[in-house]
Structures are given as structure tokens and as C-alpha cells.
Amino acid sequence: MIGLNDFMLVSVALFCIGLFIIVSKKNAIQILIGIELMLNAAILNLVAFGKYDKVNNGGQVFALFAIVLAAATTAVALAIILNVYRRYRTIDPDKINHLKD
């Protein structure tokens, strides 16, 4: 049987991979993917703790709201990235140093 420690190990691995992607990449899309991996690690924690909580299903309900919020955030972030690309012809965050032009 899969225990809570196994879920936590997978969650830590996802979070560390997402953090590594955010720190090492210079592409806005890849940074967004890293943020999504970190958010998925947090959602996995919510579901895992909710599975082992016999009183209520608060973890699963909160995870569902987090998934909806992540989808909305991703849509807004992609729209911003597309507009930045149209204006500056790059999605490298280091090359976009002025936003008031």
C-alpha cells in the first residue's frame, strides 16, 4: 500500500524540479511550466493529506479550487506572454528591461 511518505516524496521531487526550472531557464514559457510544477506539488500534498484525513474531504475540495485557480492563472500568463512577444519579439525576461515605452 502506498503511504503518506510516498506522496510526500513525489511532491518534494516535483517541487524541486519546478524550482530548478524557474532558476535555470531564461524563457518565460519554461518559467511558467516550473511554476505549474510547483503548484501541482502543493495540490498533491492537499490530496494526499485529504486522503488520510478520515473526518472530512477538505483537502480534495481545496485542491479542486487550486486547480481551477491554476488554469485561470495560466490563461492570463500566456496572454501576457503573447502580448510581450508581439511588442518586444522575445520572451526572454532578461531582455525585457523597460515596460513604459
C-alpha atoms as a PDB file:
ATOM      1  CA  MET A   1       0.000   0.000   0.000  1.00  0.00           C
ATOM      2  CA  ILE A   2       1.170   3.484  -0.805  1.00  0.00           C
ATOM      3  CA  GLY A   3       1.773   5.531   2.321  1.00  0.00           C
ATOM      4  CA  LEU A   4       1.791   9.232   3.006  1.00  0.00           C
ATOM      5  CA  ASN A   5       5.597   9.305   2.840  1.00  0.00           C
ATOM      6  CA  ASP A   6       5.489   8.153  -0.784  1.00  0.00           C
ATOM      7  CA  PHE A   7       3.162  11.000  -1.718  1.00  0.00           C
ATOM      8  CA  MET A   8       5.408  13.456   0.092  1.00  0.00           C
ATOM      9  CA  LEU A   9       8.487  12.148  -1.715  1.00  0.00           C
ATOM     10  CA  VAL A  10       6.859  12.614  -5.123  1.00  0.00           C
ATOM     11  CA  SER A  11       5.657  16.063  -4.089  1.00  0.00           C
ATOM     12  CA  VAL A  12       9.134  17.129  -2.969  1.00  0.00           C
ATOM     13  CA  ALA A  13      10.592  15.857  -6.255  1.00  0.00           C
ATOM     14  CA  LEU A  14       8.018  17.826  -8.294  1.00  0.00           C
ATOM     15  CA  PHE A  15       8.620  20.967  -6.250  1.00  0.00           C
ATOM     16  CA  CYS A  16      12.406  20.722  -6.603  1.00  0.00           C
ATOM     17  CA  ILE A  17      12.175  20.140 -10.366  1.00  0.00           C
ATOM     18  CA  GLY A  18       9.886  23.160 -10.700  1.00  0.00           C
ATOM     19  CA  LEU A  19      12.220  25.312  -8.626  1.00  0.00           C
ATOM     20  CA  PHE A  20      15.205  24.212 -10.719  1.00  0.00           C
ATOM     21  CA  ILE A  21      13.351  25.092 -13.925  1.00  0.00           C
ATOM     22  CA  ILE A  22      12.471  28.556 -12.607  1.00  0.00           C
ATOM     23  CA  VAL A  23      16.035  29.297 -11.504  1.00  0.00           C
ATOM     24  CA  SER A  24      17.809  27.944 -14.570  1.00  0.00           C
ATOM     25  CA  LYS A  25      15.638  28.880 -17.565  1.00  0.00           C
ATOM     26  CA  LYS A  26      15.575  32.134 -19.461  1.00  0.00           C
ATOM     27  CA  ASN A  27      12.320  31.548 -21.281  1.00  0.00           C
ATOM     28  CA  ALA A  28       9.012  32.836 -19.948  1.00  0.00           C
ATOM     29  CA  ILE A  29       7.105  29.733 -21.070  1.00  0.00           C
ATOM     30  CA  GLN A  30       9.536  27.420 -19.282  1.00  0.00           C
ATOM     31  CA  ILE A  31       9.336  29.544 -16.147  1.00  0.00           C
ATOM     32  CA  LEU A  32       5.550  29.215 -16.300  1.00  0.00           C
ATOM     33  CA  ILE A  33       5.920  25.429 -16.575  1.00  0.00           C
ATOM     34  CA  GLY A  34       8.137  25.457 -13.478  1.00  0.00           C
ATOM     35  CA  ILE A  35       5.529  27.420 -11.550  1.00  0.00           C
ATOM     36  CA  GLU A  36       2.861  24.918 -12.615  1.00  0.00           C
ATOM     37  CA  LEU A  37       5.009  22.007 -11.416  1.00  0.00           C
ATOM     38  CA  MET A  38       5.422  23.664  -8.028  1.00  0.00           C
ATOM     39  CA  LEU A  39       1.690  24.287  -7.826  1.00  0.00           C
ATOM     40  CA  ASN A  40       0.996  20.653  -8.746  1.00  0.00           C
ATOM     41  CA  ALA A  41       3.270  19.570  -5.907  1.00  0.00           C
ATOM     42  CA  ALA A  42       1.203  21.629  -3.485  1.00  0.00           C
ATOM     43  CA  ILE A  43      -2.028  20.169  -4.892  1.00  0.00           C
ATOM     44  CA  LEU A  44      -0.628  16.662  -4.493  1.00  0.00           C
ATOM     45  CA  ASN A  45       0.041  17.461  -0.829  1.00  0.00           C
ATOM     46  CA  LEU A  46      -3.533  18.642  -0.364  1.00  0.00           C
ATOM     47  CA  VAL A  47      -4.965  15.487  -1.912  1.00  0.00           C
ATOM     48  CA  ALA A  48      -2.599  13.203   0.000  1.00  0.00           C
ATOM     49  CA  PHE A  49      -3.392  14.755   3.350  1.00  0.00           C
ATOM     50  CA  GLY A  50      -7.080  14.756   2.459  1.00  0.00           C
ATOM     51  CA  LYS A  51      -6.924  11.038   1.697  1.00  0.00           C
ATOM     52  CA  TYR A  52      -5.561  10.208   5.128  1.00  0.00           C
ATOM     53  CA  ASP A  53      -7.972  12.548   6.937  1.00  0.00           C
ATOM     54  CA  LYS A  54     -10.991  10.424   7.802  1.00  0.00           C
ATOM     55  CA  VAL A  55     -13.117  13.306   9.136  1.00  0.00           C
ATOM     56  CA  ASN A  56     -13.813  15.353   6.005  1.00  0.00           C
ATOM     57  CA  ASN A  57     -12.773  15.868   2.387  1.00  0.00           C
ATOM     58  CA  GLY A  58     -11.431  19.385   2.813  1.00  0.00           C
ATOM     59  CA  GLY A  59      -8.132  18.609   1.101  1.00  0.00           C
ATOM     60  CA  GLN A  60      -9.777  17.377  -2.077  1.00  0.00           C
ATOM     61  CA  VAL A  61     -12.180  20.312  -2.212  1.00  0.00           C
ATOM     62  CA  PHE A  62      -9.386  22.826  -1.674  1.00  0.00           C
ATOM     63  CA  ALA A  63      -7.292  21.039  -4.332  1.00  0.00           C
ATOM     64  CA  LEU A  64     -10.162  21.392  -6.800  1.00  0.00           C
ATOM     65  CA  PHE A  65     -10.265  25.152  -6.188  1.00  0.00           C
ATOM     66  CA  ALA A  66      -6.476  25.313  -6.582  1.00  0.00           C
ATOM     67  CA  ILE A  67      -6.683  23.508  -9.938  1.00  0.00           C
ATOM     68  CA  VAL A  68      -9.310  25.970 -11.204  1.00  0.00           C
ATOM     69  CA  LEU A  69      -7.205  28.888 -10.000  1.00  0.00           C
ATOM     70  CA  ALA A  70      -4.108  27.444 -11.700  1.00  0.00           C
ATOM     71  CA  ALA A  71      -5.955  27.123 -15.013  1.00  0.00           C
ATOM     72  CA  ALA A  72      -7.141  30.729 -14.860  1.00  0.00           C
ATOM     73  CA  THR A  73      -3.680  31.963 -13.884  1.00  0.00           C
ATOM     74  CA  THR A  74      -2.081  30.064 -16.753  1.00  0.00           C
ATOM     75  CA  ALA A  75      -4.502  31.563 -19.272  1.00  0.00           C
ATOM     76  CA  VAL A  76      -3.754  35.093 -18.064  1.00  0.00           C
ATOM     77  CA  ALA A  77       0.007  34.459 -18.000  1.00  0.00           C
ATOM     78  CA  LEU A  78       0.001  33.100 -21.555  1.00  0.00           C
ATOM     79  CA  ALA A  79      -1.948  36.143 -22.757  1.00  0.00           C
ATOM     80  CA  ILE A  80       0.624  38.429 -21.119  1.00  0.00           C
ATOM     81  CA  ILE A  81       3.499  36.461 -22.654  1.00  0.00           C
ATOM     82  CA  LEU A  82       1.925  36.687 -26.113  1.00  0.00           C
ATOM     83  CA  ASN A  83       1.488  40.458 -25.806  1.00  0.00           C
ATOM     84  CA  VAL A  84       5.075  40.883 -24.612  1.00  0.00           C
ATOM     85  CA  TYR A  85       6.294  38.796 -27.557  1.00  0.00           C
ATOM     86  CA  ARG A  86       4.318  40.929 -30.023  1.00  0.00           C
ATOM     87  CA  ARG A  87       5.889  44.089 -28.662  1.00  0.00           C
ATOM     88  CA  TYR A  88       9.498  43.019 -27.998  1.00  0.00           C
ATOM     89  CA  ARG A  89       9.907  39.942 -30.253  1.00  0.00           C
ATOM     90  CA  THR A  90      11.389  37.931 -27.383  1.00  0.00           C
ATOM     91  CA  ILE A  91      10.170  36.024 -24.363  1.00  0.00           C
ATOM     92  CA  ASP A  92      13.471  36.200 -22.516  1.00  0.00           C
ATOM     93  CA  PRO A  93      12.703  38.039 -19.247  1.00  0.00           C
ATOM     94  CA  ASP A  94      16.261  39.378 -19.027  1.00  0.00           C
ATOM     95  CA  LYS A  95      15.966  41.217 -22.364  1.00  0.00           C
ATOM     96  CA  ILE A  96      12.735  42.978 -21.440  1.00  0.00           C
ATOM     97  CA  ASN A  97      14.003  45.726 -19.152  1.00  0.00           C
ATOM     98  CA  HIS A  98      11.674  48.610 -19.937  1.00  0.00           C
ATOM     99  CA  LEU A  99       7.905  48.408 -19.950  1.00  0.00           C
ATOM    100  CA  LYS A 100       6.935  52.093 -20.198  1.00  0.00           C
ATOM    101  CA  ASP A 101       7.731  52.666 -23.896  1.00  0.00           C
END
